[in-house]
Structure formats: C-alpha cells, structure tokens
N, C-alpha and C. Protein backbone atom coordinates (compact mmCIF):
# COMPACT_ATOMS: atom_id res chain seq x y z
N MET A 1 0.82 -1.18 0.00
CA MET A 1 0.00 0.00 0.00
C MET A 1 0.87 1.25 0.00
N PHE A 2 1.84 1.26 0.91
CA PHE A 2 2.73 2.41 0.98
C PHE A 2 3.52 2.58 -0.31
N LEU A 3 3.97 1.45 -0.88
CA LEU A 3 4.75 1.52 -2.11
C LEU A 3 3.93 2.11 -3.26
N LEU A 4 2.68 1.72 -3.38
CA LEU A 4 1.83 2.27 -4.44
C LEU A 4 1.61 3.77 -4.26
N ASP A 5 1.36 4.18 -3.02
CA ASP A 5 1.19 5.62 -2.77
C ASP A 5 2.47 6.38 -3.11
N TYR A 6 3.60 5.80 -2.75
CA TYR A 6 4.87 6.46 -3.04
C TYR A 6 5.12 6.54 -4.55
N LEU A 7 4.78 5.47 -5.27
CA LEU A 7 4.95 5.49 -6.73
C LEU A 7 4.03 6.53 -7.39
N ARG A 8 2.80 6.66 -6.87
CA ARG A 8 1.90 7.69 -7.40
C ARG A 8 2.48 9.08 -7.15
N PHE A 9 3.01 9.26 -5.95
CA PHE A 9 3.63 10.55 -5.63
C PHE A 9 4.79 10.84 -6.57
N LEU A 10 5.66 9.83 -6.79
CA LEU A 10 6.80 10.03 -7.69
C LEU A 10 6.34 10.34 -9.11
N LYS A 11 5.32 9.63 -9.57
CA LYS A 11 4.85 9.84 -10.94
C LYS A 11 4.31 11.25 -11.13
N ASN A 12 3.60 11.77 -10.13
CA ASN A 12 3.01 13.10 -10.24
C ASN A 12 4.01 14.22 -9.95
N GLU A 13 4.83 14.03 -8.94
CA GLU A 13 5.70 15.13 -8.48
C GLU A 13 7.10 15.08 -9.09
N LYS A 14 7.66 13.88 -9.25
CA LYS A 14 9.03 13.75 -9.74
C LYS A 14 9.08 12.62 -10.79
N PRO A 15 8.64 12.90 -11.99
CA PRO A 15 8.54 11.85 -13.01
C PRO A 15 9.90 11.25 -13.40
N VAL A 16 10.97 12.02 -13.31
CA VAL A 16 12.30 11.48 -13.66
C VAL A 16 12.66 10.36 -12.70
N TRP A 17 12.45 10.58 -11.40
CA TRP A 17 12.75 9.55 -10.40
C TRP A 17 11.81 8.35 -10.55
N PHE A 18 10.57 8.61 -10.91
CA PHE A 18 9.62 7.52 -11.12
C PHE A 18 10.10 6.60 -12.24
N TRP A 19 10.49 7.18 -13.38
CA TRP A 19 10.93 6.35 -14.50
C TRP A 19 12.29 5.70 -14.22
N ALA A 20 13.13 6.36 -13.46
CA ALA A 20 14.40 5.74 -13.06
C ALA A 20 14.13 4.51 -12.20
N PHE A 21 13.18 4.61 -11.28
CA PHE A 21 12.83 3.48 -10.44
C PHE A 21 12.24 2.34 -11.27
N ILE A 22 11.36 2.65 -12.18
CA ILE A 22 10.72 1.63 -13.03
C ILE A 22 11.77 0.93 -13.89
N ILE A 23 12.67 1.70 -14.51
CA ILE A 23 13.72 1.11 -15.35
C ILE A 23 14.64 0.23 -14.51
N PHE A 24 15.03 0.72 -13.33
CA PHE A 24 15.88 -0.08 -12.45
C PHE A 24 15.16 -1.38 -12.06
N PHE A 25 13.91 -1.30 -11.71
CA PHE A 25 13.14 -2.48 -11.32
C PHE A 25 13.05 -3.48 -12.48
N LEU A 26 12.79 -3.02 -13.68
CA LEU A 26 12.68 -3.91 -14.84
C LEU A 26 14.04 -4.55 -15.17
N LEU A 27 15.09 -3.75 -15.16
CA LEU A 27 16.42 -4.31 -15.41
C LEU A 27 16.79 -5.35 -14.35
N HIS A 28 16.46 -5.03 -13.13
CA HIS A 28 16.74 -5.97 -12.04
C HIS A 28 15.96 -7.28 -12.25
N ALA A 29 14.71 -7.19 -12.67
CA ALA A 29 13.90 -8.38 -12.94
C ALA A 29 14.51 -9.21 -14.07
N VAL A 30 15.01 -8.56 -15.11
CA VAL A 30 15.65 -9.27 -16.22
C VAL A 30 16.91 -9.98 -15.75
N VAL A 31 17.70 -9.30 -14.94
CA VAL A 31 18.94 -9.91 -14.43
C VAL A 31 18.60 -11.13 -13.57
N ILE A 32 17.60 -11.03 -12.74
CA ILE A 32 17.19 -12.17 -11.91
C ILE A 32 16.70 -13.31 -12.80
N TYR A 33 15.92 -12.98 -13.80
CA TYR A 33 15.40 -14.02 -14.70
C TYR A 33 16.53 -14.74 -15.43
N ARG A 34 17.56 -14.01 -15.84
CA ARG A 34 18.69 -14.61 -16.56
C ARG A 34 19.67 -15.30 -15.62
N GLN A 35 19.46 -15.14 -14.32
CA GLN A 35 20.33 -15.72 -13.30
C GLN A 35 21.76 -15.21 -13.43
N SER A 36 21.86 -13.92 -13.69
CA SER A 36 23.15 -13.28 -13.80
C SER A 36 23.49 -12.61 -12.48
N GLN A 37 24.55 -11.85 -12.51
CA GLN A 37 24.97 -11.15 -11.30
C GLN A 37 24.83 -9.65 -11.50
N LEU A 38 24.30 -9.01 -10.49
CA LEU A 38 24.16 -7.57 -10.49
C LEU A 38 24.66 -7.09 -9.13
N THR A 39 25.96 -6.87 -9.06
CA THR A 39 26.51 -6.46 -7.78
C THR A 39 26.40 -4.96 -7.65
N PRO A 40 26.25 -4.42 -6.50
CA PRO A 40 26.26 -5.08 -5.20
C PRO A 40 24.90 -5.58 -4.73
N TRP A 41 23.89 -5.53 -5.59
CA TRP A 41 22.56 -5.89 -5.13
C TRP A 41 22.30 -7.38 -5.15
N LEU A 42 22.76 -8.06 -6.16
CA LEU A 42 22.43 -9.48 -6.29
C LEU A 42 23.61 -10.23 -6.86
N ASN A 43 24.00 -11.26 -6.18
CA ASN A 43 25.01 -12.17 -6.69
C ASN A 43 24.34 -13.54 -6.74
N TYR A 44 23.89 -13.91 -7.91
CA TYR A 44 23.07 -15.11 -8.05
C TYR A 44 23.78 -16.36 -7.52
N GLY A 45 25.07 -16.46 -7.75
CA GLY A 45 25.80 -17.64 -7.31
C GLY A 45 25.85 -17.78 -5.80
N MET A 46 25.73 -16.69 -5.07
CA MET A 46 25.78 -16.77 -3.62
C MET A 46 24.51 -17.38 -3.04
N TYR A 47 23.39 -17.13 -3.66
CA TYR A 47 22.12 -17.48 -3.03
C TYR A 47 21.33 -18.55 -3.76
N SER A 48 21.49 -18.68 -5.04
CA SER A 48 20.57 -19.50 -5.79
C SER A 48 21.24 -20.54 -6.68
N GLN A 49 22.46 -20.86 -6.40
CA GLN A 49 23.14 -21.83 -7.23
C GLN A 49 22.60 -23.23 -6.92
N LYS A 50 22.40 -24.02 -7.92
CA LYS A 50 21.85 -25.35 -7.74
C LYS A 50 22.84 -26.23 -6.99
N ALA A 51 22.34 -26.95 -6.01
CA ALA A 51 23.17 -27.87 -5.23
C ALA A 51 22.99 -29.28 -5.79
N TYR A 52 24.07 -29.86 -6.25
CA TYR A 52 24.02 -31.20 -6.82
C TYR A 52 24.33 -32.23 -5.74
N PRO A 53 23.75 -33.42 -5.82
CA PRO A 53 24.07 -34.46 -4.84
C PRO A 53 25.55 -34.83 -4.89
N GLN A 54 26.12 -35.03 -3.73
CA GLN A 54 27.52 -35.41 -3.63
C GLN A 54 27.63 -36.93 -3.62
N ALA A 55 28.84 -37.42 -3.83
CA ALA A 55 29.06 -38.86 -3.80
C ALA A 55 28.92 -39.40 -2.38
N SER A 56 29.38 -38.62 -1.39
CA SER A 56 29.26 -39.07 0.00
C SER A 56 29.07 -37.87 0.91
N TYR A 57 28.45 -38.12 2.05
CA TYR A 57 28.21 -37.11 3.06
C TYR A 57 28.77 -37.63 4.38
N GLY A 58 29.22 -36.71 5.21
CA GLY A 58 29.79 -37.11 6.49
C GLY A 58 29.02 -36.54 7.65
N GLY A 59 29.15 -37.19 8.78
CA GLY A 59 28.50 -36.73 9.99
C GLY A 59 29.16 -37.32 11.21
N ILE A 60 28.77 -36.82 12.36
CA ILE A 60 29.32 -37.30 13.62
C ILE A 60 28.20 -37.95 14.41
N SER A 61 28.52 -39.07 15.02
CA SER A 61 27.57 -39.78 15.87
C SER A 61 28.18 -39.88 17.26
N ILE A 62 27.37 -39.57 18.28
CA ILE A 62 27.86 -39.56 19.67
C ILE A 62 27.01 -40.50 20.50
N GLU A 63 27.68 -41.30 21.31
CA GLU A 63 27.00 -42.21 22.24
C GLU A 63 27.51 -41.86 23.64
N VAL A 64 26.59 -41.49 24.55
CA VAL A 64 26.94 -41.10 25.91
C VAL A 64 26.36 -42.12 26.87
N ASN A 65 27.21 -42.70 27.70
CA ASN A 65 26.80 -43.73 28.68
C ASN A 65 26.03 -44.85 28.01
N GLY A 66 26.43 -45.24 26.83
CA GLY A 66 25.80 -46.34 26.12
C GLY A 66 24.52 -45.98 25.39
N GLN A 67 24.10 -44.71 25.46
CA GLN A 67 22.86 -44.27 24.80
C GLN A 67 23.21 -43.27 23.69
N PRO A 68 22.53 -43.37 22.55
CA PRO A 68 22.78 -42.38 21.49
C PRO A 68 22.42 -40.97 21.97
N PHE A 69 23.26 -40.02 21.64
CA PHE A 69 23.02 -38.62 22.00
C PHE A 69 22.76 -37.83 20.73
N ASN A 70 21.57 -37.29 20.62
CA ASN A 70 21.19 -36.51 19.45
C ASN A 70 21.58 -35.05 19.68
N TYR A 71 22.80 -34.70 19.32
CA TYR A 71 23.25 -33.33 19.55
C TYR A 71 22.59 -32.35 18.60
N MET A 72 21.89 -32.83 17.59
CA MET A 72 21.21 -31.93 16.67
C MET A 72 20.02 -31.24 17.33
N GLN A 73 19.58 -31.72 18.48
CA GLN A 73 18.48 -31.07 19.19
C GLN A 73 18.94 -29.84 19.97
N LEU A 74 20.24 -29.67 20.09
CA LEU A 74 20.78 -28.51 20.78
C LEU A 74 20.66 -27.26 19.91
N ASN A 75 20.84 -26.11 20.53
CA ASN A 75 20.81 -24.89 19.72
C ASN A 75 22.05 -24.84 18.82
N ASP A 76 22.05 -23.95 17.86
CA ASP A 76 23.11 -23.91 16.85
C ASP A 76 24.50 -23.72 17.45
N ALA A 77 24.61 -22.86 18.44
CA ALA A 77 25.93 -22.61 19.05
C ALA A 77 26.46 -23.87 19.71
N ASN A 78 25.63 -24.59 20.43
CA ASN A 78 26.08 -25.80 21.10
C ASN A 78 26.37 -26.93 20.11
N LYS A 79 25.62 -26.98 19.01
CA LYS A 79 25.93 -27.97 17.96
C LYS A 79 27.32 -27.73 17.41
N GLU A 80 27.62 -26.46 17.14
CA GLU A 80 28.94 -26.12 16.61
C GLU A 80 30.03 -26.37 17.64
N MET A 81 29.75 -26.13 18.91
CA MET A 81 30.74 -26.37 19.96
C MET A 81 31.05 -27.85 20.12
N LEU A 82 30.14 -28.70 19.69
CA LEU A 82 30.42 -30.14 19.71
C LEU A 82 31.07 -30.62 18.42
N SER A 83 30.47 -30.28 17.29
CA SER A 83 30.93 -30.87 16.04
C SER A 83 32.27 -30.30 15.56
N CYS A 84 32.45 -29.00 15.62
CA CYS A 84 33.69 -28.41 15.09
C CYS A 84 34.94 -28.85 15.85
N PRO A 85 34.96 -28.78 17.19
CA PRO A 85 36.16 -29.24 17.89
C PRO A 85 36.44 -30.73 17.71
N ILE A 86 35.38 -31.52 17.59
CA ILE A 86 35.59 -32.96 17.39
C ILE A 86 36.29 -33.20 16.06
N ARG A 87 35.86 -32.52 15.03
CA ARG A 87 36.51 -32.68 13.71
C ARG A 87 37.94 -32.17 13.73
N LEU A 88 38.16 -31.04 14.40
CA LEU A 88 39.51 -30.51 14.52
C LEU A 88 40.39 -31.46 15.32
N TYR A 89 39.84 -32.05 16.39
CA TYR A 89 40.59 -33.00 17.20
C TYR A 89 41.02 -34.20 16.36
N ALA A 90 40.10 -34.71 15.56
CA ALA A 90 40.44 -35.86 14.71
C ALA A 90 41.55 -35.50 13.73
N GLU A 91 41.49 -34.29 13.20
CA GLU A 91 42.52 -33.85 12.26
C GLU A 91 43.86 -33.65 12.97
N LEU A 92 43.83 -33.01 14.14
CA LEU A 92 45.06 -32.77 14.88
C LEU A 92 45.68 -34.06 15.41
N LYS A 93 44.83 -35.01 15.75
CA LYS A 93 45.32 -36.28 16.29
C LYS A 93 46.14 -37.03 15.25
N THR A 94 45.77 -36.91 14.01
CA THR A 94 46.50 -37.62 12.97
C THR A 94 47.63 -36.79 12.37
N ASP A 95 47.43 -35.46 12.26
CA ASP A 95 48.40 -34.61 11.57
C ASP A 95 49.03 -33.57 12.48
N SER A 96 49.00 -33.75 13.78
CA SER A 96 49.41 -32.67 14.67
C SER A 96 50.88 -32.30 14.48
N LEU A 97 51.75 -33.25 14.30
CA LEU A 97 53.17 -32.92 14.16
C LEU A 97 53.42 -32.14 12.88
N MET A 98 52.78 -32.54 11.80
CA MET A 98 52.94 -31.82 10.54
C MET A 98 52.36 -30.41 10.67
N TYR A 99 51.21 -30.29 11.30
CA TYR A 99 50.55 -29.00 11.48
C TYR A 99 51.45 -28.05 12.27
N VAL A 100 52.01 -28.53 13.37
CA VAL A 100 52.89 -27.70 14.20
C VAL A 100 54.13 -27.30 13.42
N ALA A 101 54.74 -28.23 12.72
CA ALA A 101 55.97 -27.94 11.97
C ALA A 101 55.72 -26.91 10.88
N VAL A 102 54.64 -27.04 10.15
CA VAL A 102 54.33 -26.10 9.07
C VAL A 102 54.03 -24.72 9.65
N TYR A 103 53.27 -24.68 10.72
CA TYR A 103 52.92 -23.41 11.34
C TYR A 103 54.18 -22.69 11.83
N ARG A 104 55.05 -23.41 12.50
CA ARG A 104 56.29 -22.82 13.02
C ARG A 104 57.18 -22.35 11.86
N GLN A 105 57.25 -23.14 10.80
CA GLN A 105 58.08 -22.78 9.65
C GLN A 105 57.59 -21.48 9.02
N ILE A 106 56.29 -21.31 8.91
CA ILE A 106 55.74 -20.08 8.33
C ILE A 106 56.10 -18.88 9.19
N ILE A 107 55.92 -19.02 10.50
CA ILE A 107 56.23 -17.89 11.40
C ILE A 107 57.71 -17.55 11.33
N GLU A 108 58.57 -18.55 11.39
CA GLU A 108 60.01 -18.29 11.36
C GLU A 108 60.44 -17.69 10.03
N ARG A 109 59.85 -18.18 8.96
CA ARG A 109 60.27 -17.74 7.64
C ARG A 109 59.88 -16.30 7.36
N TYR A 110 58.64 -15.96 7.72
CA TYR A 110 58.13 -14.64 7.34
C TYR A 110 58.29 -13.58 8.41
N THR A 111 58.55 -13.97 9.64
CA THR A 111 58.71 -12.93 10.67
C THR A 111 60.10 -12.97 11.28
N GLY A 112 60.51 -14.12 11.77
CA GLY A 112 61.81 -14.25 12.38
C GLY A 112 61.91 -13.62 13.76
N HIS A 113 60.81 -13.09 14.26
CA HIS A 113 60.84 -12.46 15.58
C HIS A 113 60.65 -13.52 16.67
N ALA A 114 61.53 -13.49 17.66
CA ALA A 114 61.47 -14.46 18.75
C ALA A 114 60.17 -14.34 19.53
N ASP A 115 59.68 -13.09 19.70
CA ASP A 115 58.43 -12.90 20.44
C ASP A 115 57.26 -13.58 19.74
N LEU A 116 57.21 -13.46 18.41
CA LEU A 116 56.12 -14.10 17.67
C LEU A 116 56.25 -15.63 17.71
N ILE A 117 57.46 -16.12 17.70
CA ILE A 117 57.65 -17.57 17.77
C ILE A 117 57.17 -18.07 19.13
N ASN A 118 57.50 -17.34 20.21
CA ASN A 118 57.02 -17.72 21.54
C ASN A 118 55.50 -17.63 21.62
N LEU A 119 54.93 -16.59 21.01
CA LEU A 119 53.48 -16.45 20.99
C LEU A 119 52.84 -17.59 20.22
N SER A 120 53.44 -17.97 19.10
CA SER A 120 52.87 -19.07 18.31
C SER A 120 52.90 -20.37 19.10
N ASN A 121 53.92 -20.56 19.93
CA ASN A 121 53.96 -21.77 20.76
C ASN A 121 52.79 -21.81 21.74
N LYS A 122 52.37 -20.63 22.21
CA LYS A 122 51.25 -20.57 23.14
C LYS A 122 49.90 -20.72 22.42
N LEU A 123 49.83 -20.27 21.18
CA LEU A 123 48.56 -20.30 20.46
C LEU A 123 48.26 -21.65 19.81
N GLN A 124 49.27 -22.35 19.39
CA GLN A 124 49.02 -23.60 18.68
C GLN A 124 48.74 -24.73 19.67
N ASN A 125 48.13 -25.75 19.16
CA ASN A 125 47.74 -26.89 19.98
C ASN A 125 48.95 -27.77 20.24
N SER A 126 49.27 -27.93 21.51
CA SER A 126 50.38 -28.79 21.87
C SER A 126 49.86 -30.22 21.99
N ASP A 127 50.78 -31.17 22.04
CA ASP A 127 50.37 -32.56 22.20
C ASP A 127 49.63 -32.77 23.52
N GLU A 128 50.02 -32.01 24.55
CA GLU A 128 49.34 -32.13 25.85
C GLU A 128 47.89 -31.63 25.76
N SER A 129 47.68 -30.50 25.08
CA SER A 129 46.31 -29.98 24.97
C SER A 129 45.45 -30.88 24.07
N ILE A 130 46.06 -31.49 23.09
CA ILE A 130 45.31 -32.43 22.25
C ILE A 130 44.90 -33.65 23.08
N ALA A 131 45.80 -34.11 23.95
CA ALA A 131 45.48 -35.27 24.80
C ALA A 131 44.41 -34.94 25.84
N GLU A 132 44.27 -33.67 26.23
CA GLU A 132 43.27 -33.26 27.22
C GLU A 132 41.88 -33.09 26.62
N PHE A 133 41.77 -33.10 25.31
CA PHE A 133 40.49 -32.83 24.67
C PHE A 133 39.38 -33.82 25.07
N PRO A 134 39.62 -35.14 25.11
CA PRO A 134 38.53 -36.04 25.50
C PRO A 134 37.94 -35.74 26.88
N ALA A 135 38.76 -35.36 27.83
CA ALA A 135 38.25 -35.01 29.16
C ALA A 135 37.43 -33.72 29.09
N TRP A 136 37.88 -32.74 28.30
CA TRP A 136 37.11 -31.51 28.13
C TRP A 136 35.76 -31.81 27.49
N LEU A 137 35.76 -32.67 26.48
CA LEU A 137 34.51 -33.01 25.81
C LEU A 137 33.56 -33.72 26.76
N ALA A 138 34.08 -34.55 27.67
CA ALA A 138 33.23 -35.21 28.67
C ALA A 138 32.54 -34.16 29.54
N ARG A 139 33.28 -33.15 29.97
CA ARG A 139 32.67 -32.09 30.78
C ARG A 139 31.62 -31.31 29.98
N TYR A 140 31.90 -31.07 28.72
CA TYR A 140 30.94 -30.35 27.88
C TYR A 140 29.69 -31.18 27.64
N LEU A 141 29.87 -32.49 27.46
CA LEU A 141 28.71 -33.36 27.29
C LEU A 141 27.88 -33.45 28.57
N GLU A 142 28.54 -33.39 29.73
CA GLU A 142 27.79 -33.36 30.99
C GLU A 142 26.89 -32.14 31.05
N LYS A 143 27.40 -31.00 30.63
CA LYS A 143 26.58 -29.78 30.62
C LYS A 143 25.44 -29.89 29.61
N SER A 144 25.71 -30.52 28.48
CA SER A 144 24.70 -30.62 27.42
C SER A 144 23.61 -31.62 27.75
N THR A 145 23.97 -32.70 28.45
CA THR A 145 22.99 -33.75 28.75
C THR A 145 22.39 -33.61 30.15
N ASN A 146 22.97 -32.76 30.98
CA ASN A 146 22.53 -32.59 32.37
C ASN A 146 22.58 -33.88 33.16
N GLN A 147 23.57 -34.69 32.88
CA GLN A 147 23.79 -35.94 33.62
C GLN A 147 25.28 -36.26 33.61
N PRO A 148 25.74 -37.00 34.63
CA PRO A 148 27.16 -37.34 34.65
C PRO A 148 27.53 -38.25 33.47
N VAL A 149 28.70 -38.03 32.92
CA VAL A 149 29.16 -38.82 31.78
C VAL A 149 30.26 -39.75 32.27
N ASP A 150 29.96 -41.05 32.28
CA ASP A 150 30.96 -42.05 32.67
C ASP A 150 31.81 -42.45 31.48
N ASN A 151 31.18 -42.55 30.33
CA ASN A 151 31.91 -42.89 29.11
C ASN A 151 31.16 -42.35 27.91
N TYR A 152 31.88 -42.20 26.84
CA TYR A 152 31.25 -41.80 25.58
C TYR A 152 32.12 -42.25 24.43
N ARG A 153 31.47 -42.34 23.28
CA ARG A 153 32.16 -42.69 22.04
C ARG A 153 31.70 -41.73 20.96
N VAL A 154 32.63 -41.39 20.09
CA VAL A 154 32.33 -40.50 18.96
C VAL A 154 32.80 -41.18 17.69
N TRP A 155 31.90 -41.24 16.70
CA TRP A 155 32.23 -41.83 15.40
C TRP A 155 32.10 -40.78 14.31
N GLU A 156 32.96 -40.90 13.34
CA GLU A 156 32.82 -40.16 12.08
C GLU A 156 32.17 -41.13 11.12
N GLU A 157 30.98 -40.77 10.64
CA GLU A 157 30.24 -41.66 9.76
C GLU A 157 30.15 -41.07 8.37
N THR A 158 30.23 -41.94 7.39
CA THR A 158 30.13 -41.54 5.99
C THR A 158 28.94 -42.24 5.36
N TYR A 159 28.16 -41.47 4.62
CA TYR A 159 26.96 -42.00 3.95
C TYR A 159 27.04 -41.70 2.47
N SER A 160 26.46 -42.58 1.68
CA SER A 160 26.29 -42.30 0.26
C SER A 160 24.81 -42.01 0.02
N TYR A 161 24.54 -41.23 -0.99
CA TYR A 161 23.18 -40.83 -1.32
C TYR A 161 22.83 -41.39 -2.69
N ASN A 162 21.79 -42.22 -2.72
CA ASN A 162 21.41 -42.85 -3.98
C ASN A 162 19.91 -43.05 -3.98
N GLU A 163 19.27 -42.68 -5.06
CA GLU A 163 17.83 -42.85 -5.26
C GLU A 163 17.01 -42.26 -4.12
N GLY A 164 17.41 -41.10 -3.64
CA GLY A 164 16.65 -40.41 -2.61
C GLY A 164 16.83 -40.92 -1.21
N LYS A 165 17.79 -41.81 -0.98
CA LYS A 165 18.00 -42.37 0.35
C LYS A 165 19.48 -42.33 0.71
N PHE A 166 19.75 -42.28 2.01
CA PHE A 166 21.12 -42.33 2.52
C PHE A 166 21.44 -43.77 2.92
N PHE A 167 22.64 -44.21 2.54
CA PHE A 167 23.11 -45.54 2.88
C PHE A 167 24.45 -45.40 3.62
N PRO A 168 24.60 -46.05 4.79
CA PRO A 168 25.88 -45.94 5.51
C PRO A 168 27.00 -46.62 4.75
N ASN A 169 28.14 -45.93 4.66
CA ASN A 169 29.32 -46.49 4.01
C ASN A 169 30.30 -47.04 5.02
N LYS A 170 30.77 -46.14 5.90
CA LYS A 170 31.74 -46.59 6.89
C LYS A 170 31.58 -45.75 8.15
N SER A 171 32.09 -46.30 9.23
CA SER A 171 32.04 -45.64 10.51
C SER A 171 33.41 -45.78 11.16
N GLU A 172 34.03 -44.65 11.50
CA GLU A 172 35.36 -44.66 12.09
C GLU A 172 35.29 -44.11 13.50
N LEU A 173 35.75 -44.89 14.48
CA LEU A 173 35.75 -44.46 15.87
C LEU A 173 36.82 -43.38 16.07
N LEU A 174 36.39 -42.19 16.49
CA LEU A 174 37.32 -41.09 16.72
C LEU A 174 37.78 -41.03 18.17
N ILE A 175 36.82 -41.17 19.09
CA ILE A 175 37.12 -41.05 20.52
C ILE A 175 36.39 -42.16 21.27
N ASP A 176 37.10 -42.85 22.11
CA ASP A 176 36.51 -43.82 23.03
C ASP A 176 36.97 -43.44 24.42
N TYR A 177 36.12 -42.76 25.16
CA TYR A 177 36.51 -42.18 26.46
C TYR A 177 35.81 -42.93 27.59
N ASP A 178 36.58 -43.25 28.61
CA ASP A 178 36.04 -43.87 29.82
C ASP A 178 36.60 -43.08 31.00
N ALA A 179 35.73 -42.63 31.89
CA ALA A 179 36.16 -41.76 33.01
C ALA A 179 37.04 -42.49 34.01
N GLN A 180 36.98 -43.81 34.08
CA GLN A 180 37.81 -44.52 35.07
C GLN A 180 39.22 -44.51 34.65
C-alpha cells in the first residue's frame, strides 16, 4: 500500500525519479530471470546456485553412557561447539606434528621475531592440549545432557546418497573415552 502511494507521488511530483525506479526495477527483474549477477545488489551464485548431490556425506555420531546422544536437538551454538572441535581433534590427532611444523616454519620464515615464535607456541595446539580434549569433551557433554558422563564414544560416519536415500558407508571411531 505504501509503495503504491509512493509510486503515485513520484509519478506526479518527480517523473524522472519515477521512471528511473521503473527502469531499475525492470532491469533488475531481467537480471534475476537470466540468473546473472548484479553487484552489489544481487550475486546469483551466492544465493541460488543449484546444489548437486555429492558422492558421499559425512556426519558425527555420539554415544553417551551407552545411549545415542542426538546433539542436533541442541541450539546452533552448542551444535557447533560439539561438532567443530571434534573434527579438529580428529585432524590434529592424525596430523598434529605436521601442522605444528608447518605453522612454526611459516612464522620463522616470514617474521623471524622471537616474540612471535614464543606467541605461536602458546597459540598452537600442543600434544598435551590435544590429549586433554577427550576429558574436556566429557565435561561439555555433561553440561549438554545434564547428567554425569561415565563414558562416551564418537564416530565419524560416511553416507552415500542414492535414489533419494542415505546408505551408511563406513564408521570410524574417533574417541573412546572412559572416566575410570
């Protein structure tokens, strides 16, 4: 309603602006129809690009005290606090020495400052902090489930998608934690 009143006002009082608006609107409609890009207003690839099925999909499965834990029921922040560190832990557990060596090499090569090298030692994940992660995750799961966690297991699961259905491919145990 407001838009129509405003367009009537523009047409009667400021016809140049009215026709500029109409031309802009029509050009914008053509660009959207052609699925092109009109920056800074519309970048078709950012919002409307077709998503094709992938060969495989991955996910994390958590079992707490012998019971499946559906972390997807948590709010978005807590889901991310569970899934992202678990994936990083799995990556660091296998490649931690290479990761540390590459990181240190970059700092030494491009800066050479002893203070930055000491700072990088504090910022990067040490083997001790990587080893402490399962205990931290147990405490976080206790907060998320509101019950004591005696043990838990975390799997990285891979699924294939075929004919509209997901089929499990493989399951790799990432963490097997027991509080005793």
